[in-house]
Protein backbone atom coordinates (compact mmCIF):
# COMPACT_ATOMS: atom_id res chain seq x y z
CA MET A 1 -126.17 -129.16 -68.46
CA THR A 2 -122.75 -129.61 -70.02
CA TYR A 3 -120.92 -126.79 -68.26
CA GLN A 4 -117.58 -128.68 -68.48
CA GLN A 5 -117.63 -128.22 -72.23
CA LYS A 6 -117.30 -124.45 -71.80
CA ALA A 7 -114.79 -124.26 -68.98
CA SER A 8 -113.10 -121.22 -70.56
CA TYR A 9 -116.11 -119.09 -69.61
CA PRO A 10 -116.79 -117.70 -66.12
CA PHE A 11 -119.47 -119.84 -64.47
CA PRO A 12 -122.77 -117.88 -64.57
CA THR A 13 -125.18 -117.96 -61.62
CA LEU A 14 -128.59 -119.65 -62.00
CA THR A 15 -131.42 -118.26 -59.86
CA VAL A 16 -134.86 -119.92 -59.48
CA HIS A 17 -137.56 -117.40 -58.68
CA GLU A 18 -140.97 -117.87 -57.15
CA PRO A 19 -143.69 -118.97 -59.65
CA LEU A 20 -146.16 -116.28 -60.74
CA PRO A 21 -149.88 -117.04 -61.49
CA VAL A 22 -149.75 -115.29 -64.88
CA SER A 23 -148.71 -115.94 -68.44
CA GLY A 24 -145.10 -115.66 -69.59
CA PRO A 25 -145.46 -112.16 -71.22
CA GLU A 26 -147.23 -110.90 -68.06
CA ALA A 27 -144.51 -112.32 -65.89
CA LEU A 28 -141.89 -110.56 -67.96
CA LYS A 29 -143.67 -107.25 -67.46
CA THR A 30 -143.74 -107.82 -63.69
CA ILE A 31 -140.04 -108.74 -63.57
CA LEU A 32 -138.97 -105.75 -65.68
CA ALA A 33 -141.08 -103.39 -63.55
CA SER A 34 -139.41 -104.75 -60.37
CA MET A 35 -135.88 -104.45 -61.78
CA ARG A 36 -136.41 -100.94 -63.12
CA GLY A 37 -138.02 -99.90 -59.88
CA GLY A 38 -134.58 -99.94 -58.31
CA GLY A 39 -133.33 -97.27 -60.70
CA LYS A 40 -131.48 -99.72 -62.97
CA THR A 41 -131.40 -99.36 -66.72
CA VAL A 42 -132.85 -102.58 -68.15
CA THR A 43 -133.04 -103.25 -71.90
CA VAL A 44 -134.61 -106.26 -73.62
CA LEU A 45 -132.28 -107.33 -76.42
CA GLU A 46 -134.64 -108.20 -79.27
CA LYS A 47 -133.80 -111.18 -81.51
CA ALA A 48 -130.65 -111.89 -79.52
CA LEU A 49 -131.52 -115.60 -79.17
CA ASN A 50 -132.76 -118.12 -81.72
CA PRO A 51 -135.26 -119.50 -81.09
CA GLU A 52 -136.82 -117.26 -78.45
CA VAL A 53 -139.81 -119.51 -77.70
CA ILE A 54 -139.64 -123.32 -77.46
CA LYS A 55 -142.17 -126.02 -76.53
CA VAL A 56 -141.12 -128.93 -74.35
CA GLY A 57 -144.16 -131.12 -73.61
CA PRO A 58 -146.77 -129.06 -71.81
CA ILE A 59 -144.30 -126.24 -71.02
CA THR A 60 -143.72 -123.13 -73.16
CA ALA A 61 -140.31 -121.67 -72.49
CA ARG A 62 -139.57 -118.09 -73.47
CA LEU A 63 -135.97 -116.92 -73.60
CA VAL A 64 -135.19 -113.21 -73.01
CA LEU A 65 -131.73 -111.68 -72.94
CA LEU A 66 -131.48 -108.48 -70.82
CA GLU A 67 -128.79 -105.82 -70.69
CA ILE A 68 -128.39 -104.38 -67.19
CA GLY A 69 -126.87 -101.13 -66.08
CA LYS A 70 -125.57 -99.64 -69.31
CA GLY A 71 -123.91 -96.37 -68.47
CA SER A 72 -123.29 -97.36 -64.87
CA GLU A 73 -120.35 -96.09 -62.85
CA TYR A 74 -118.20 -98.89 -64.14
CA GLY A 75 -119.10 -98.09 -67.74
CA SER A 76 -119.87 -101.70 -68.73
CA PRO A 77 -123.25 -103.42 -68.55
CA THR A 78 -123.93 -106.92 -67.32
CA TYR A 79 -126.36 -109.43 -68.87
CA ARG A 80 -129.10 -111.69 -67.66
CA LEU A 81 -130.81 -114.55 -69.46
CA LEU A 82 -134.38 -115.13 -68.39
CA MET A 83 -136.24 -118.38 -69.20
CA LEU A 84 -139.95 -118.03 -68.41
CA MET A 85 -141.44 -121.52 -68.22
CA GLU A 86 -145.23 -121.37 -68.55
CA GLN A 87 -147.82 -124.06 -68.09
CA GLY A 88 -151.52 -123.83 -67.24
CA GLY A 89 -151.47 -120.08 -66.44
CA VAL A 90 -148.42 -120.36 -64.17
CA THR A 91 -144.89 -119.09 -64.97
CA LEU A 92 -141.66 -120.19 -63.32
CA PRO A 93 -138.87 -117.59 -63.98
CA LEU A 94 -135.28 -118.84 -64.16
CA GLU A 95 -132.45 -116.33 -64.34
CA GLN A 96 -128.80 -116.56 -65.30
CA ASP A 97 -126.43 -113.70 -64.56
CA GLY A 98 -123.26 -113.20 -66.55
CA PRO A 99 -120.54 -110.54 -67.01
CA ARG A 100 -120.62 -110.72 -70.80
CA LYS A 101 -123.22 -111.29 -73.47
CA ALA A 102 -121.16 -113.97 -75.09
CA VAL A 103 -121.15 -116.00 -71.89
CA LEU A 104 -124.97 -116.26 -71.74
CA GLU A 105 -125.22 -116.85 -75.49
CA ALA A 106 -122.78 -119.72 -75.12
CA TYR A 107 -124.96 -121.34 -72.48
CA SER A 108 -128.29 -120.72 -74.22
CA ASP A 109 -128.44 -124.24 -75.67
CA ASP A 110 -127.82 -125.74 -72.24
CA VAL A 111 -130.49 -123.55 -70.74
CA LYS A 112 -133.01 -124.90 -73.28
CA THR A 113 -132.34 -128.46 -72.24
CA LEU A 114 -133.20 -127.54 -68.66
CA ALA A 115 -136.88 -127.17 -69.66
CA SER A 116 -137.15 -130.91 -70.25
CA SER A 117 -136.08 -131.59 -66.64
CA VAL A 118 -138.56 -129.26 -64.96
CA LYS A 119 -141.98 -130.51 -63.94
CA LEU A 120 -144.70 -127.96 -63.06
CA ASP A 121 -147.99 -128.67 -61.20
CA PRO A 122 -150.02 -125.53 -61.93
CA VAL A 123 -152.91 -126.57 -59.67
CA ALA A 124 -150.61 -127.14 -56.65
CA ILE A 125 -148.68 -123.94 -57.36
CA LYS A 126 -151.87 -121.83 -57.53
CA LYS A 127 -153.14 -123.35 -54.28
CA ASP A 128 -149.87 -122.65 -52.52
CA LEU A 129 -149.70 -119.08 -53.79
CA THR A 130 -153.29 -118.45 -52.74
CA ALA A 131 -152.54 -119.72 -49.21
CA ARG A 132 -149.44 -117.62 -48.92
CA THR A 133 -151.28 -114.52 -50.21
CA LEU A 134 -153.92 -114.97 -47.50
CA ALA A 135 -151.21 -115.42 -44.84
CA PHE A 136 -149.40 -112.35 -46.06
CA THR A 137 -152.54 -110.22 -46.07
CA LYS A 138 -153.29 -111.33 -42.54
CA GLY A 139 -149.72 -110.53 -41.44
CA VAL A 140 -149.93 -107.02 -43.01
CA GLN A 141 -153.19 -106.32 -41.17
CA GLU A 142 -151.67 -107.40 -37.85
CA ALA A 143 -148.48 -105.39 -38.36
CA THR A 144 -150.48 -102.32 -39.38
CA GLN A 145 -152.72 -102.54 -36.38
CA ALA A 146 -149.75 -103.10 -34.02
CA LEU A 147 -148.09 -99.96 -35.42
CA LYS A 148 -151.25 -97.92 -35.08
CA ASN A 149 -151.74 -99.11 -31.47
CA GLY A 150 -148.14 -98.31 -30.65
CA TYR A 151 -148.40 -94.73 -31.79
CA ALA A 152 -151.70 -94.39 -29.94
CA ARG A 153 -149.93 -95.44 -26.71
CA GLY A 154 -147.42 -92.58 -27.26
CA GLU A 155 -144.50 -94.74 -28.38
CA LYS A 156 -141.89 -93.19 -30.70
CA VAL A 157 -139.55 -94.48 -33.37
CA LYS A 158 -136.04 -95.28 -32.17
CA LEU A 159 -133.90 -94.62 -35.21
CA TYR A 160 -130.30 -95.50 -35.93
CA ALA A 161 -128.32 -94.76 -39.06
CA TRP A 162 -124.85 -95.32 -40.62
CA SER A 163 -123.17 -93.44 -43.39
CA GLU A 164 -119.84 -93.30 -45.18
CA SER A 165 -118.61 -90.94 -47.87
CA GLY A 166 -115.48 -90.31 -49.85
CA VAL A 167 -114.09 -90.56 -53.36
CA LYS A 168 -113.09 -93.56 -55.39
CA ASN A 169 -111.66 -94.39 -58.87
CA VAL A 170 -114.27 -95.72 -61.30
CA TYR A 171 -113.96 -96.84 -64.91
CA THR A 172 -116.15 -94.88 -67.33
CA THR A 173 -116.40 -94.61 -71.08
CA SER A 174 -114.09 -91.54 -70.79
CA GLY A 175 -111.50 -93.47 -68.75
CA LEU A 176 -110.61 -93.63 -65.08
CA GLN A 177 -112.27 -90.88 -63.00
CA LEU A 178 -112.53 -89.86 -59.35
CA ARG A 179 -116.13 -89.76 -58.15
CA ALA A 180 -117.67 -88.91 -54.81
CA TYR A 181 -119.84 -91.46 -53.07
CA ASN A 182 -122.17 -91.43 -50.05
CA ASN A 183 -123.60 -94.65 -48.70
CA THR A 184 -126.19 -94.73 -45.97
CA GLY A 185 -128.51 -97.16 -44.14
CA THR A 186 -131.07 -97.03 -41.34
CA LEU A 187 -132.43 -99.37 -38.70
CA ALA A 188 -135.75 -98.22 -37.23
CA PHE A 189 -137.47 -99.76 -34.19
CA LEU A 190 -141.07 -98.64 -34.71
CA PRO A 191 -143.94 -98.54 -32.18
CA GLY A 192 -145.83 -101.81 -31.83
CA GLY A 193 -142.65 -103.89 -32.13
CA ILE A 194 -142.10 -103.39 -35.85
CA VAL A 195 -138.61 -103.27 -37.41
CA LEU A 196 -137.76 -101.54 -40.70
CA GLU A 197 -134.32 -101.68 -42.26
CA ASP A 198 -133.72 -98.86 -44.74
CA GLY A 199 -137.42 -98.10 -44.61
CA GLY A 200 -138.75 -94.82 -46.00
CA ASP A 201 -142.17 -94.31 -44.30
CA PHE A 202 -142.49 -94.81 -40.55
CA GLN A 203 -146.14 -93.76 -40.39
CA SER A 204 -147.66 -96.03 -43.05
CA PRO A 205 -145.00 -98.51 -44.29
CA THR A 206 -145.74 -100.46 -47.46
CA TRP A 207 -145.06 -104.17 -47.35
CA SER A 208 -144.97 -106.21 -50.57
CA PRO A 209 -144.97 -109.95 -50.95
CA GLY A 210 -141.61 -109.74 -52.67
CA GLY A 211 -140.11 -107.92 -49.68
CA GLY A 212 -141.86 -110.03 -47.09
CA LEU A 213 -143.48 -109.06 -43.77
CA PRO A 214 -141.54 -106.92 -41.27
CA ALA A 215 -139.47 -108.33 -38.48
CA ARG A 216 -140.56 -107.85 -34.88
CA TRP A 217 -138.54 -106.53 -31.95
CA LYS A 218 -138.69 -106.66 -28.18
CA LYS A 219 -136.44 -105.21 -25.49
CA VAL A 220 -133.86 -107.67 -24.14
CA GLY A 221 -131.50 -106.37 -21.53
CA GLY A 222 -129.79 -103.31 -22.95
CA GLY A 223 -130.66 -104.04 -26.58
CA TYR A 224 -133.18 -105.43 -29.02
CA GLN A 225 -134.09 -108.95 -29.97
CA VAL A 226 -135.32 -109.01 -33.54
CA THR A 227 -137.33 -111.98 -34.87
CA THR A 228 -137.96 -112.41 -38.61
CA PRO A 229 -141.21 -113.89 -39.93
CA ASP A 230 -139.46 -117.29 -40.48
CA GLY A 231 -138.47 -117.42 -36.78
CA GLN A 232 -134.82 -116.40 -36.95
CA THR A 233 -133.65 -114.16 -34.13
CA THR A 234 -130.82 -111.59 -33.86
CA THR A 235 -129.78 -109.59 -30.85
CA TYR A 236 -128.80 -105.99 -31.38
CA ALA A 237 -126.69 -104.74 -28.47
CA VAL A 238 -127.03 -101.01 -27.76
CA GLU A 239 -123.77 -99.42 -26.53
CA LYS A 240 -122.95 -95.93 -25.23
CA ALA A 241 -121.21 -93.61 -27.68
CA SER A 242 -120.65 -89.98 -26.76
CA ASN A 243 -122.81 -87.09 -25.67
CA ASN A 244 -125.37 -89.57 -24.35
CA GLN A 245 -125.73 -90.96 -27.84
CA THR A 246 -125.96 -94.75 -28.32
CA ARG A 247 -124.83 -97.01 -31.18
CA ILE A 248 -125.34 -100.53 -32.57
CA GLU A 249 -122.50 -102.51 -34.06
CA GLN A 250 -123.90 -104.86 -36.71
CA GLY A 251 -121.52 -106.64 -39.05
CA ARG A 252 -119.23 -104.03 -40.62
CA GLU A 253 -121.60 -101.10 -39.94
CA THR A 254 -121.89 -98.88 -36.91
CA TYR A 255 -125.42 -97.44 -36.54
CA LEU A 256 -125.47 -94.24 -34.53
CA GLU A 257 -128.66 -93.11 -32.75
CA ILE A 258 -130.49 -90.30 -34.54
CA PRO A 259 -131.55 -87.63 -32.05
CA PRO A 260 -135.22 -87.18 -31.14
CA LEU A 261 -136.38 -83.89 -32.70
CA THR A 262 -138.99 -81.28 -32.00
CA LYS A 263 -140.76 -78.76 -34.24
CA GLU A 264 -138.35 -76.04 -32.92
CA ASP A 265 -135.40 -78.03 -34.27
CA LEU A 266 -136.75 -77.72 -37.77
CA ILE A 267 -137.38 -73.95 -37.84
CA GLY A 268 -135.01 -72.38 -40.37
CA ILE A 269 -133.97 -72.63 -44.02
CA PHE A 270 -133.39 -75.97 -45.80
CA SER A 271 -131.44 -75.75 -49.03
CA THR A 272 -130.16 -78.01 -51.81
CA GLN A 273 -128.39 -77.56 -55.09
CA TYR A 274 -128.30 -79.52 -58.35
CA SER A 275 -126.43 -79.54 -61.65
CA ALA A 276 -126.66 -81.60 -64.81
CA SER A 277 -125.14 -81.60 -68.25
CA SER A 278 -125.89 -83.24 -71.59
CA GLY A 279 -124.97 -82.71 -75.21
CA LEU A 280 -124.78 -83.92 -78.74
CA GLY A 281 -121.72 -83.42 -80.86
CA ASP A 282 -120.11 -80.03 -80.25
CA THR A 283 -123.21 -78.70 -78.42
CA ALA A 284 -123.45 -78.88 -74.66
CA VAL A 285 -126.38 -78.08 -72.34
CA ASN A 286 -125.50 -77.30 -68.73
CA SER A 287 -128.21 -76.64 -66.10
CA SER A 288 -127.93 -75.80 -62.42
CA GLY A 289 -130.05 -74.36 -59.65
CA ASN A 290 -130.94 -74.31 -56.00
CA LEU A 291 -134.06 -74.75 -53.91
CA ASP A 292 -134.81 -73.22 -50.55
CA VAL A 293 -137.63 -74.08 -48.14
CA LYS A 294 -138.04 -71.79 -45.13
CA LEU A 295 -139.94 -73.24 -42.16
CA LEU A 296 -141.36 -70.43 -40.07
CA PRO A 297 -142.23 -70.57 -36.31
CA SER A 298 -145.83 -69.69 -37.17
CA GLY A 299 -146.30 -73.08 -38.87
CA ARG A 300 -146.09 -71.57 -42.35
CA TYR A 301 -143.42 -72.23 -44.93
CA GLU A 302 -142.05 -70.42 -47.95
CA ASP A 303 -140.12 -71.89 -50.87
CA SER A 304 -138.11 -70.32 -53.60
CA SER A 305 -135.85 -71.52 -56.36
CA GLU A 306 -133.25 -70.32 -58.89
CA SER A 307 -132.24 -72.11 -62.02
CA PHE A 308 -129.88 -71.38 -64.93
CA THR A 309 -129.45 -73.18 -68.24
CA ALA A 310 -126.65 -72.58 -70.75
CA VAL A 311 -126.33 -73.94 -74.26
CA THR A 312 -122.81 -73.75 -75.71
CA SER A 313 -121.35 -74.57 -79.08
CA PRO A 314 -118.16 -73.56 -80.86
CA ASN A 315 -119.69 -70.31 -82.15
CA VAL A 316 -122.33 -69.34 -79.63
CA THR A 317 -123.32 -69.49 -76.01
CA ILE A 318 -126.90 -68.89 -74.90
CA GLY A 319 -127.97 -68.73 -71.21
CA THR A 320 -131.33 -68.34 -69.47
CA GLY A 321 -132.15 -67.90 -65.77
CA ASN A 322 -135.26 -68.18 -63.70
CA ASN A 323 -136.21 -67.11 -60.13
CA LYS A 324 -139.39 -68.46 -58.58
CA LYS A 325 -141.01 -67.89 -55.23
CA SER A 326 -144.24 -69.63 -54.25
CA LYS A 327 -146.85 -68.56 -51.77
CA GLY A 328 -145.89 -71.57 -49.61
CA GLY A 329 -148.33 -73.15 -47.15
CA LYS A 330 -148.51 -74.83 -43.78
CA TRP A 331 -146.16 -77.41 -42.27
CA THR A 332 -146.31 -79.89 -39.47
CA PHE A 333 -143.76 -82.25 -37.96
CA ASP A 334 -144.61 -85.55 -36.24
CA SER A 335 -141.71 -86.06 -33.76
CA ALA A 336 -142.78 -89.68 -33.08
CA SER A 337 -142.02 -90.72 -36.65
CA TYR A 338 -139.57 -88.03 -37.88
CA THR A 339 -142.16 -87.09 -40.53
CA LEU A 340 -142.43 -83.57 -41.99
CA THR A 341 -145.61 -82.74 -43.93
CA LEU A 342 -146.06 -79.78 -46.22
CA TYR A 343 -149.53 -78.46 -47.12
CA PRO A 344 -149.30 -76.09 -50.12
CA ASP A 345 -151.89 -73.34 -50.25
CA GLY A 346 -152.97 -74.74 -53.57
CA GLY A 347 -154.06 -77.96 -51.98
CA GLY A 348 -152.67 -81.49 -51.42
CA SER A 349 -149.80 -82.51 -49.20
CA GLN A 350 -146.45 -84.20 -49.30
CA SER A 351 -144.60 -86.03 -46.50
CA GLY A 352 -141.20 -87.47 -45.87
CA LEU A 353 -138.59 -88.40 -43.30
CA THR A 354 -136.69 -85.38 -42.04
CA TYR A 355 -133.80 -85.58 -39.57
CA THR A 356 -130.16 -84.79 -38.93
CA GLU A 357 -127.33 -86.93 -37.63
CA ALA A 358 -126.09 -84.04 -35.41
CA PHE A 359 -126.99 -85.55 -32.05
CA SER A 360 -126.44 -82.89 -29.43
CA PRO A 361 -128.63 -79.72 -29.37
CA SER A 362 -125.53 -77.50 -29.56
CA ALA A 363 -124.31 -79.32 -32.69
CA ARG A 364 -127.69 -78.61 -34.38
CA GLN A 365 -127.40 -74.91 -33.79
CA ILE A 366 -126.12 -72.79 -36.72
CA LYS A 367 -123.15 -70.69 -35.86
CA SER A 368 -121.05 -68.18 -37.85
CA GLY A 369 -122.99 -68.68 -41.07
CA GLY A 370 -122.42 -72.49 -41.05
CA SER A 371 -124.86 -75.25 -41.92
CA VAL A 372 -125.83 -78.77 -40.85
CA ASP A 373 -126.59 -81.67 -43.17
CA TRP A 374 -130.09 -83.06 -43.12
CA LEU A 375 -132.29 -85.67 -44.76
CA PHE A 376 -135.19 -83.50 -45.93
CA MET A 377 -138.50 -85.00 -47.02
CA GLY A 378 -136.74 -88.27 -47.60
CA ARG A 379 -134.08 -86.73 -49.90
CA GLU A 380 -130.34 -86.48 -49.29
CA GLY A 381 -128.12 -83.58 -50.25
CA TRP A 382 -129.85 -80.90 -48.11
CA TRP A 383 -128.54 -78.63 -45.39
CA LYS A 384 -130.10 -76.36 -42.85
CA SER A 385 -129.11 -72.81 -42.04
CA LYS A 386 -130.66 -69.71 -40.44
C-alpha cells in the first residue's frame, strides 16, 4: 500500500481479526453485536464508500465505514473501516482505526488493493476453527467442573479490587466541562484454581471463544502463580496492608483484599439514586428518583422507590411523582462467592455480586447516620445504611 503518498495523514492502525465461518453480511452482524455489547455507540455510514463491494478473483470484499462513540465524553467520534473478505463461506475481517473520517476515506483505495494480496483457504480455515472449537468446549467443561469441585470442597473466592475516583476536564459539544469518574477493577481467585479478571459471576462464569479460556492459579510461597491457557505465567505477590488486610501490586494498580462477608453483614438498607435529563428546543425533561432495598434478619426483603419527572418550557412547568413499595420476597447470600440472590414473591430470581471495600468489621458498621459504599447486585453507586 502506498502510505508514503499520504504522509500528511496520521498513520491508521490495521488489525487482522480471526476468520469467521459465515458470509460477509453475517460476519458484519456478529462484529457489530460484539462492539455494541461493550456499550459503545456504533453507526454504519451508508454509501460512504464507492464501491462498497468489489470482486478480486475468488474473494468478495465488502467495505463498511463505522462511526464509533458519537456523543462520548470527548465529544468527537472515531472511525473504523472494515473490509470483510469472503470466500467459500469464510470471512476474514480486516479493520482500520482512524481519528477522522477523511483519513480512512483517503486510504480506501489502498485498502482495496490489499484484497489482491490475500489468499484464503476456506477448507483449511474451517478445519482449524472446528478443531479450536472442540478444544475450547473441552476447556470450558474442565474449568466448570474444577470450579464446581472447588466449591464442593468448601473453598471460597479470594477477591481483590482496585478503584480510583475524582474529576477531570473533558471536551464536550458544550465546551470544556468537569466530570466525575470512578474506575474499578477486580482480580478473583476462584475455587478449583480458576482466575477471573474483572469477572461478574463467580458461581457460573461465562467463557466465550472471543474472550478465551480462564487462567489457572496455584499457591506459590506467599502469593499466586497464574498460568494463561497459552502457557505464560505471572506471579502475584501478596503483601500485608493494614488491619490484617492484604494487597497485590500489579503494574500501576494496587488491588486491596475484599473482606469475607456473612449474611449478618448484609442486613440493613441498600440505597441508590439516579437522575437524567433530555430535551428538544426550549423544552427540557428532568427525571430523578431513588431505590431502597431492605434486607431483613428473617431472610425477607422489602423494596421501595420514589421517582419524579418534570417537564419545563418557557411558559409552563409540569411535574409528576410516584411512590412504589413492593411486597418483596426472600433473599440469600452465598459467602463463598459474594453472591446475593433475591427471590421476589411473584416468582423468578436475580443474582449479583455484592460486597464492600470496607475491610474491618468496625468500618462496616453504620454510625451517626452515616453510610458505607457497596457494590450491590453487580451495580455500582449503592450505599448501605441502617
